[in-house]
N, C-alpha and C. Protein backbone atom coordinates (compact mmCIF):
# COMPACT_ATOMS: atom_id res chain seq x y z
N UNK A 1 20.63 7.69 1.62
CA UNK A 1 19.40 6.99 1.29
C UNK A 1 18.25 7.41 2.21
N UNK A 2 18.51 7.46 3.50
CA UNK A 2 17.42 7.82 4.41
C UNK A 2 16.97 9.26 4.22
N UNK A 3 17.89 10.14 3.84
CA UNK A 3 17.52 11.53 3.57
C UNK A 3 16.60 11.60 2.35
N UNK A 4 16.93 10.84 1.33
CA UNK A 4 16.12 10.86 0.12
C UNK A 4 14.73 10.28 0.38
N UNK A 5 14.67 9.23 1.19
CA UNK A 5 13.37 8.64 1.54
C UNK A 5 12.54 9.63 2.34
N UNK A 6 13.17 10.38 3.22
CA UNK A 6 12.45 11.40 4.00
C UNK A 6 11.84 12.46 3.09
N UNK A 7 12.60 12.90 2.11
CA UNK A 7 12.10 13.90 1.16
C UNK A 7 10.97 13.30 0.32
N UNK A 8 11.15 12.07 -0.12
CA UNK A 8 10.14 11.38 -0.91
C UNK A 8 8.82 11.30 -0.14
N UNK A 9 8.89 10.92 1.12
CA UNK A 9 7.68 10.81 1.93
C UNK A 9 7.02 12.16 2.17
N UNK A 10 7.81 13.20 2.29
CA UNK A 10 7.26 14.54 2.47
C UNK A 10 6.40 14.94 1.27
N UNK A 11 6.86 14.65 0.07
CA UNK A 11 6.11 15.00 -1.12
C UNK A 11 4.90 14.09 -1.34
N UNK A 12 5.00 12.85 -0.89
CA UNK A 12 3.90 11.90 -1.10
C UNK A 12 2.67 12.21 -0.27
N UNK A 13 2.84 12.86 0.85
CA UNK A 13 1.72 13.11 1.76
C UNK A 13 0.59 13.87 1.07
N UNK A 14 0.92 14.88 0.31
CA UNK A 14 -0.10 15.69 -0.35
C UNK A 14 -0.88 14.88 -1.38
N UNK A 15 -0.15 14.12 -2.19
CA UNK A 15 -0.80 13.32 -3.23
C UNK A 15 -1.63 12.19 -2.61
N UNK A 16 -1.14 11.59 -1.54
CA UNK A 16 -1.92 10.54 -0.87
C UNK A 16 -3.20 11.10 -0.26
N UNK A 17 -3.15 12.33 0.22
CA UNK A 17 -4.36 12.98 0.73
C UNK A 17 -5.40 13.17 -0.35
N UNK A 18 -4.95 13.63 -1.51
CA UNK A 18 -5.87 13.78 -2.65
C UNK A 18 -6.41 12.42 -3.06
N UNK A 19 -5.55 11.42 -3.07
CA UNK A 19 -5.96 10.07 -3.46
C UNK A 19 -7.07 9.54 -2.58
N UNK A 20 -6.93 9.70 -1.28
CA UNK A 20 -7.95 9.23 -0.35
C UNK A 20 -9.27 9.98 -0.55
N UNK A 21 -9.18 11.27 -0.76
CA UNK A 21 -10.38 12.07 -0.99
C UNK A 21 -11.08 11.65 -2.27
N UNK A 22 -10.31 11.46 -3.33
CA UNK A 22 -10.88 11.06 -4.62
C UNK A 22 -11.52 9.68 -4.51
N UNK A 23 -10.85 8.78 -3.81
CA UNK A 23 -11.40 7.44 -3.62
C UNK A 23 -12.77 7.50 -2.96
N UNK A 24 -12.90 8.34 -1.96
CA UNK A 24 -14.18 8.49 -1.25
C UNK A 24 -15.25 9.08 -2.16
N UNK A 25 -14.92 10.17 -2.86
CA UNK A 25 -15.91 10.82 -3.72
C UNK A 25 -16.32 9.96 -4.91
N UNK A 26 -15.36 9.25 -5.50
CA UNK A 26 -15.69 8.37 -6.63
C UNK A 26 -16.63 7.26 -6.15
N UNK A 27 -16.33 6.69 -4.99
CA UNK A 27 -17.19 5.63 -4.45
C UNK A 27 -18.60 6.12 -4.19
N UNK A 28 -18.73 7.32 -3.65
CA UNK A 28 -20.06 7.89 -3.40
C UNK A 28 -20.81 8.15 -4.70
N UNK A 29 -20.10 8.70 -5.69
CA UNK A 29 -20.75 9.00 -6.97
C UNK A 29 -21.18 7.72 -7.69
N UNK A 30 -20.35 6.69 -7.62
CA UNK A 30 -20.73 5.42 -8.25
C UNK A 30 -21.91 4.80 -7.51
N UNK A 31 -21.90 4.92 -6.19
CA UNK A 31 -23.02 4.42 -5.39
C UNK A 31 -24.34 5.08 -5.77
N UNK A 32 -24.27 6.38 -6.11
CA UNK A 32 -25.48 7.11 -6.54
C UNK A 32 -25.79 6.86 -8.01
N UNK A 33 -24.84 6.30 -8.74
CA UNK A 33 -25.03 6.07 -10.17
C UNK A 33 -24.86 7.32 -11.01
N UNK A 34 -24.13 8.29 -10.52
CA UNK A 34 -23.95 9.57 -11.21
C UNK A 34 -22.62 9.56 -11.98
N UNK A 35 -22.69 9.16 -13.24
CA UNK A 35 -21.50 9.07 -14.08
C UNK A 35 -20.92 10.45 -14.38
N UNK A 36 -21.78 11.44 -14.57
CA UNK A 36 -21.31 12.79 -14.85
C UNK A 36 -20.45 13.31 -13.70
N UNK A 37 -20.88 13.06 -12.47
CA UNK A 37 -20.10 13.49 -11.31
C UNK A 37 -18.77 12.74 -11.24
N UNK A 38 -18.76 11.47 -11.60
CA UNK A 38 -17.51 10.69 -11.63
C UNK A 38 -16.51 11.30 -12.60
N UNK A 39 -16.99 11.68 -13.78
CA UNK A 39 -16.10 12.31 -14.77
C UNK A 39 -15.57 13.64 -14.25
N UNK A 40 -16.43 14.41 -13.62
CA UNK A 40 -16.01 15.71 -13.08
C UNK A 40 -14.97 15.53 -11.96
N UNK A 41 -15.20 14.55 -11.09
CA UNK A 41 -14.26 14.28 -10.01
C UNK A 41 -12.90 13.87 -10.57
N UNK A 42 -12.92 13.07 -11.63
CA UNK A 42 -11.67 12.63 -12.25
C UNK A 42 -10.89 13.81 -12.82
N UNK A 43 -11.58 14.71 -13.51
CA UNK A 43 -10.92 15.90 -14.06
C UNK A 43 -10.33 16.77 -12.95
N UNK A 44 -11.10 16.98 -11.90
CA UNK A 44 -10.63 17.81 -10.78
C UNK A 44 -9.45 17.14 -10.09
N UNK A 45 -9.50 15.82 -9.95
CA UNK A 45 -8.41 15.10 -9.29
C UNK A 45 -7.09 15.27 -10.04
N UNK A 46 -7.12 15.10 -11.35
CA UNK A 46 -5.89 15.27 -12.12
C UNK A 46 -5.41 16.71 -12.11
N UNK A 47 -6.34 17.65 -12.18
CA UNK A 47 -5.95 19.06 -12.13
C UNK A 47 -5.30 19.40 -10.80
N UNK A 48 -5.88 18.93 -9.71
CA UNK A 48 -5.30 19.18 -8.37
C UNK A 48 -3.94 18.53 -8.23
N UNK A 49 -3.83 17.29 -8.69
CA UNK A 49 -2.55 16.58 -8.58
C UNK A 49 -1.46 17.30 -9.37
N UNK A 50 -1.77 17.74 -10.58
CA UNK A 50 -0.77 18.44 -11.38
C UNK A 50 -0.42 19.80 -10.78
N UNK A 51 -1.41 20.50 -10.26
CA UNK A 51 -1.15 21.79 -9.63
C UNK A 51 -0.26 21.64 -8.40
N UNK A 52 -0.59 20.68 -7.55
CA UNK A 52 0.22 20.47 -6.35
C UNK A 52 1.63 20.02 -6.73
N UNK A 53 1.76 19.15 -7.70
CA UNK A 53 3.08 18.70 -8.14
C UNK A 53 3.88 19.85 -8.73
N UNK A 54 3.23 20.71 -9.49
CA UNK A 54 3.91 21.87 -10.07
C UNK A 54 4.40 22.81 -8.97
N UNK A 55 3.56 23.08 -7.99
CA UNK A 55 3.96 23.96 -6.87
C UNK A 55 5.10 23.33 -6.09
N UNK A 56 5.03 22.02 -5.85
CA UNK A 56 6.12 21.35 -5.14
C UNK A 56 7.42 21.41 -5.93
N UNK A 57 7.34 21.27 -7.25
CA UNK A 57 8.54 21.34 -8.08
C UNK A 57 9.17 22.73 -8.02
N UNK A 58 8.35 23.77 -8.04
CA UNK A 58 8.88 25.13 -7.95
C UNK A 58 9.52 25.37 -6.59
N UNK A 59 8.85 24.97 -5.53
CA UNK A 59 9.41 25.15 -4.19
C UNK A 59 10.71 24.35 -4.06
N UNK A 60 10.71 23.14 -4.59
CA UNK A 60 11.91 22.30 -4.52
C UNK A 60 13.07 22.90 -5.29
N UNK A 61 12.77 23.54 -6.40
CA UNK A 61 13.83 24.19 -7.18
C UNK A 61 14.53 25.27 -6.35
N UNK A 62 13.75 26.07 -5.65
CA UNK A 62 14.34 27.15 -4.86
C UNK A 62 15.00 26.66 -3.57
N UNK A 63 14.56 25.52 -3.06
CA UNK A 63 15.14 24.97 -1.83
C UNK A 63 16.20 23.90 -2.10
N UNK A 64 16.56 23.73 -3.35
CA UNK A 64 17.49 22.68 -3.74
C UNK A 64 18.83 22.76 -2.99
N UNK A 65 19.44 23.91 -3.00
CA UNK A 65 20.75 24.06 -2.35
C UNK A 65 20.65 23.93 -0.83
N UNK A 66 19.62 24.50 -0.24
CA UNK A 66 19.45 24.39 1.21
C UNK A 66 19.23 22.93 1.61
N UNK A 67 18.46 22.21 0.83
CA UNK A 67 18.21 20.80 1.12
C UNK A 67 19.49 19.99 0.99
N UNK A 68 20.25 20.25 -0.06
CA UNK A 68 21.51 19.52 -0.25
C UNK A 68 22.50 19.83 0.87
N UNK A 69 22.58 21.07 1.28
CA UNK A 69 23.48 21.43 2.38
C UNK A 69 23.06 20.77 3.69
N UNK A 70 21.77 20.63 3.90
CA UNK A 70 21.28 20.04 5.14
C UNK A 70 21.56 18.54 5.22
N UNK A 71 21.40 17.84 4.09
CA UNK A 71 21.49 16.38 4.11
C UNK A 71 22.86 15.82 3.72
N UNK A 72 23.79 16.64 3.26
CA UNK A 72 25.10 16.12 2.85
C UNK A 72 26.21 16.77 3.66
N UNK A 73 27.39 16.10 3.62
CA UNK A 73 28.53 16.58 4.40
C UNK A 73 29.71 17.02 3.55
N UNK A 74 29.85 16.47 2.34
CA UNK A 74 30.98 16.87 1.50
C UNK A 74 30.53 17.03 0.05
N UNK A 75 31.46 17.44 -0.79
CA UNK A 75 31.13 17.79 -2.18
C UNK A 75 30.66 16.59 -2.99
N UNK A 76 31.28 15.43 -2.79
CA UNK A 76 30.88 14.26 -3.58
C UNK A 76 29.47 13.79 -3.19
N UNK A 77 29.16 13.82 -1.90
CA UNK A 77 27.79 13.48 -1.48
C UNK A 77 26.79 14.47 -2.06
N UNK A 78 27.16 15.72 -2.03
CA UNK A 78 26.28 16.78 -2.53
C UNK A 78 25.98 16.59 -4.01
N UNK A 79 27.01 16.25 -4.78
CA UNK A 79 26.85 16.06 -6.22
C UNK A 79 25.82 14.97 -6.52
N UNK A 80 25.97 13.82 -5.88
CA UNK A 80 25.07 12.70 -6.16
C UNK A 80 23.69 12.90 -5.51
N UNK A 81 23.67 13.58 -4.39
CA UNK A 81 22.38 13.89 -3.78
C UNK A 81 21.57 14.80 -4.70
N UNK A 82 22.22 15.84 -5.23
CA UNK A 82 21.52 16.76 -6.13
C UNK A 82 21.05 16.06 -7.41
N UNK A 83 21.85 15.12 -7.90
CA UNK A 83 21.45 14.37 -9.08
C UNK A 83 20.18 13.56 -8.80
N UNK A 84 20.17 12.84 -7.69
CA UNK A 84 18.98 12.06 -7.33
C UNK A 84 17.79 12.96 -7.02
N UNK A 85 18.05 14.07 -6.35
CA UNK A 85 17.00 15.02 -5.98
C UNK A 85 16.34 15.60 -7.23
N UNK A 86 17.14 16.01 -8.19
CA UNK A 86 16.59 16.58 -9.43
C UNK A 86 15.82 15.53 -10.23
N UNK A 87 16.34 14.31 -10.27
CA UNK A 87 15.62 13.24 -10.97
C UNK A 87 14.26 13.01 -10.33
N UNK A 88 14.23 13.03 -9.01
CA UNK A 88 12.96 12.82 -8.32
C UNK A 88 11.99 13.97 -8.58
N UNK A 89 12.48 15.20 -8.41
CA UNK A 89 11.60 16.36 -8.53
C UNK A 89 11.07 16.53 -9.95
N UNK A 90 11.90 16.36 -10.95
CA UNK A 90 11.50 16.69 -12.32
C UNK A 90 10.97 15.50 -13.12
N UNK A 91 11.14 14.28 -12.62
CA UNK A 91 10.67 13.12 -13.38
C UNK A 91 9.75 12.23 -12.53
N UNK A 92 10.29 11.71 -11.46
CA UNK A 92 9.57 10.72 -10.67
C UNK A 92 8.33 11.29 -10.00
N UNK A 93 8.40 12.51 -9.53
CA UNK A 93 7.27 13.09 -8.81
C UNK A 93 6.03 13.21 -9.71
N UNK A 94 6.22 13.51 -10.99
CA UNK A 94 5.08 13.60 -11.91
C UNK A 94 4.46 12.22 -12.13
N UNK A 95 5.32 11.22 -12.31
CA UNK A 95 4.81 9.86 -12.48
C UNK A 95 4.11 9.38 -11.22
N UNK A 96 4.66 9.73 -10.07
CA UNK A 96 4.06 9.34 -8.80
C UNK A 96 2.66 9.92 -8.65
N UNK A 97 2.51 11.20 -8.94
CA UNK A 97 1.20 11.83 -8.74
C UNK A 97 0.15 11.24 -9.68
N UNK A 98 0.49 11.02 -10.94
CA UNK A 98 -0.49 10.44 -11.85
C UNK A 98 -0.81 8.99 -11.49
N UNK A 99 0.20 8.24 -11.05
CA UNK A 99 -0.02 6.85 -10.67
C UNK A 99 -0.96 6.74 -9.48
N UNK A 100 -0.74 7.55 -8.48
CA UNK A 100 -1.57 7.49 -7.27
C UNK A 100 -3.01 7.90 -7.59
N UNK A 101 -3.18 8.94 -8.38
CA UNK A 101 -4.53 9.39 -8.72
C UNK A 101 -5.25 8.36 -9.60
N UNK A 102 -4.56 7.82 -10.61
CA UNK A 102 -5.19 6.80 -11.46
C UNK A 102 -5.56 5.57 -10.64
N UNK A 103 -4.68 5.17 -9.74
CA UNK A 103 -4.96 4.01 -8.90
C UNK A 103 -6.17 4.21 -8.01
N UNK A 104 -6.29 5.41 -7.43
CA UNK A 104 -7.44 5.66 -6.55
C UNK A 104 -8.74 5.72 -7.34
N UNK A 105 -8.70 6.25 -8.55
CA UNK A 105 -9.91 6.27 -9.38
C UNK A 105 -10.34 4.85 -9.73
N UNK A 106 -9.38 4.01 -10.09
CA UNK A 106 -9.72 2.62 -10.43
C UNK A 106 -10.21 1.84 -9.21
N UNK A 107 -9.57 2.05 -8.06
CA UNK A 107 -10.03 1.37 -6.85
C UNK A 107 -11.43 1.82 -6.46
N UNK A 108 -11.70 3.10 -6.59
CA UNK A 108 -13.04 3.61 -6.30
C UNK A 108 -14.08 3.08 -7.26
N UNK A 109 -13.65 2.74 -8.46
CA UNK A 109 -14.57 2.20 -9.47
C UNK A 109 -14.75 0.69 -9.34
N UNK A 110 -14.04 0.08 -8.40
CA UNK A 110 -14.14 -1.36 -8.21
C UNK A 110 -13.21 -2.16 -9.09
N UNK A 111 -12.22 -1.53 -9.67
CA UNK A 111 -11.27 -2.20 -10.56
C UNK A 111 -9.90 -2.32 -9.87
N UNK A 112 -9.85 -3.07 -8.78
CA UNK A 112 -8.63 -3.18 -8.00
C UNK A 112 -7.48 -3.82 -8.78
N UNK A 113 -7.79 -4.78 -9.65
CA UNK A 113 -6.73 -5.43 -10.43
C UNK A 113 -6.08 -4.44 -11.40
N UNK A 114 -6.88 -3.57 -11.98
CA UNK A 114 -6.33 -2.53 -12.84
C UNK A 114 -5.49 -1.55 -12.07
N UNK A 115 -5.93 -1.23 -10.85
CA UNK A 115 -5.17 -0.32 -10.00
C UNK A 115 -3.84 -0.92 -9.60
N UNK A 116 -3.76 -2.23 -9.52
CA UNK A 116 -2.51 -2.90 -9.18
C UNK A 116 -1.50 -2.80 -10.32
N UNK A 117 -1.96 -2.81 -11.55
CA UNK A 117 -1.08 -2.81 -12.71
C UNK A 117 -0.60 -1.40 -13.07
N UNK A 118 -1.34 -0.36 -12.69
CA UNK A 118 -1.01 1.01 -13.07
C UNK A 118 0.42 1.42 -12.71
N UNK A 119 0.90 1.17 -11.48
CA UNK A 119 2.29 1.57 -11.18
C UNK A 119 3.31 0.87 -12.07
N UNK A 120 3.06 -0.38 -12.43
CA UNK A 120 3.99 -1.10 -13.29
C UNK A 120 4.05 -0.47 -14.68
N UNK A 121 2.90 -0.08 -15.20
CA UNK A 121 2.86 0.54 -16.53
C UNK A 121 3.48 1.93 -16.49
N UNK A 122 3.16 2.69 -15.47
CA UNK A 122 3.60 4.08 -15.40
C UNK A 122 5.11 4.20 -15.23
N UNK A 123 5.71 3.34 -14.42
CA UNK A 123 7.15 3.43 -14.21
C UNK A 123 7.92 2.68 -15.26
């Protein structure tokens, strides 16, 4: 469990960095009243999140065996670790990136209640 949480946190750092940046830029654009810039920031945010998630998935695919060997001690642990690892990399990570980006856009727009509900809907 702790190994999986460590891997999870490693992947979250990049998306959380984008989230904080987007939150700042959306807030500034809304403060200026520039809706066109808000739309552009939203498009760029999703594109960056998907690109980073795609790159992380490719890197994770190639490091899958090395990661499993590092965090497990026997064959049965390895089997279930790889199952959880693949589920995270190919399913959960995509949902995580879109959830974090959508939440930061809504928070930057002043819709904190909507940002609270997004993770529940997405998962």
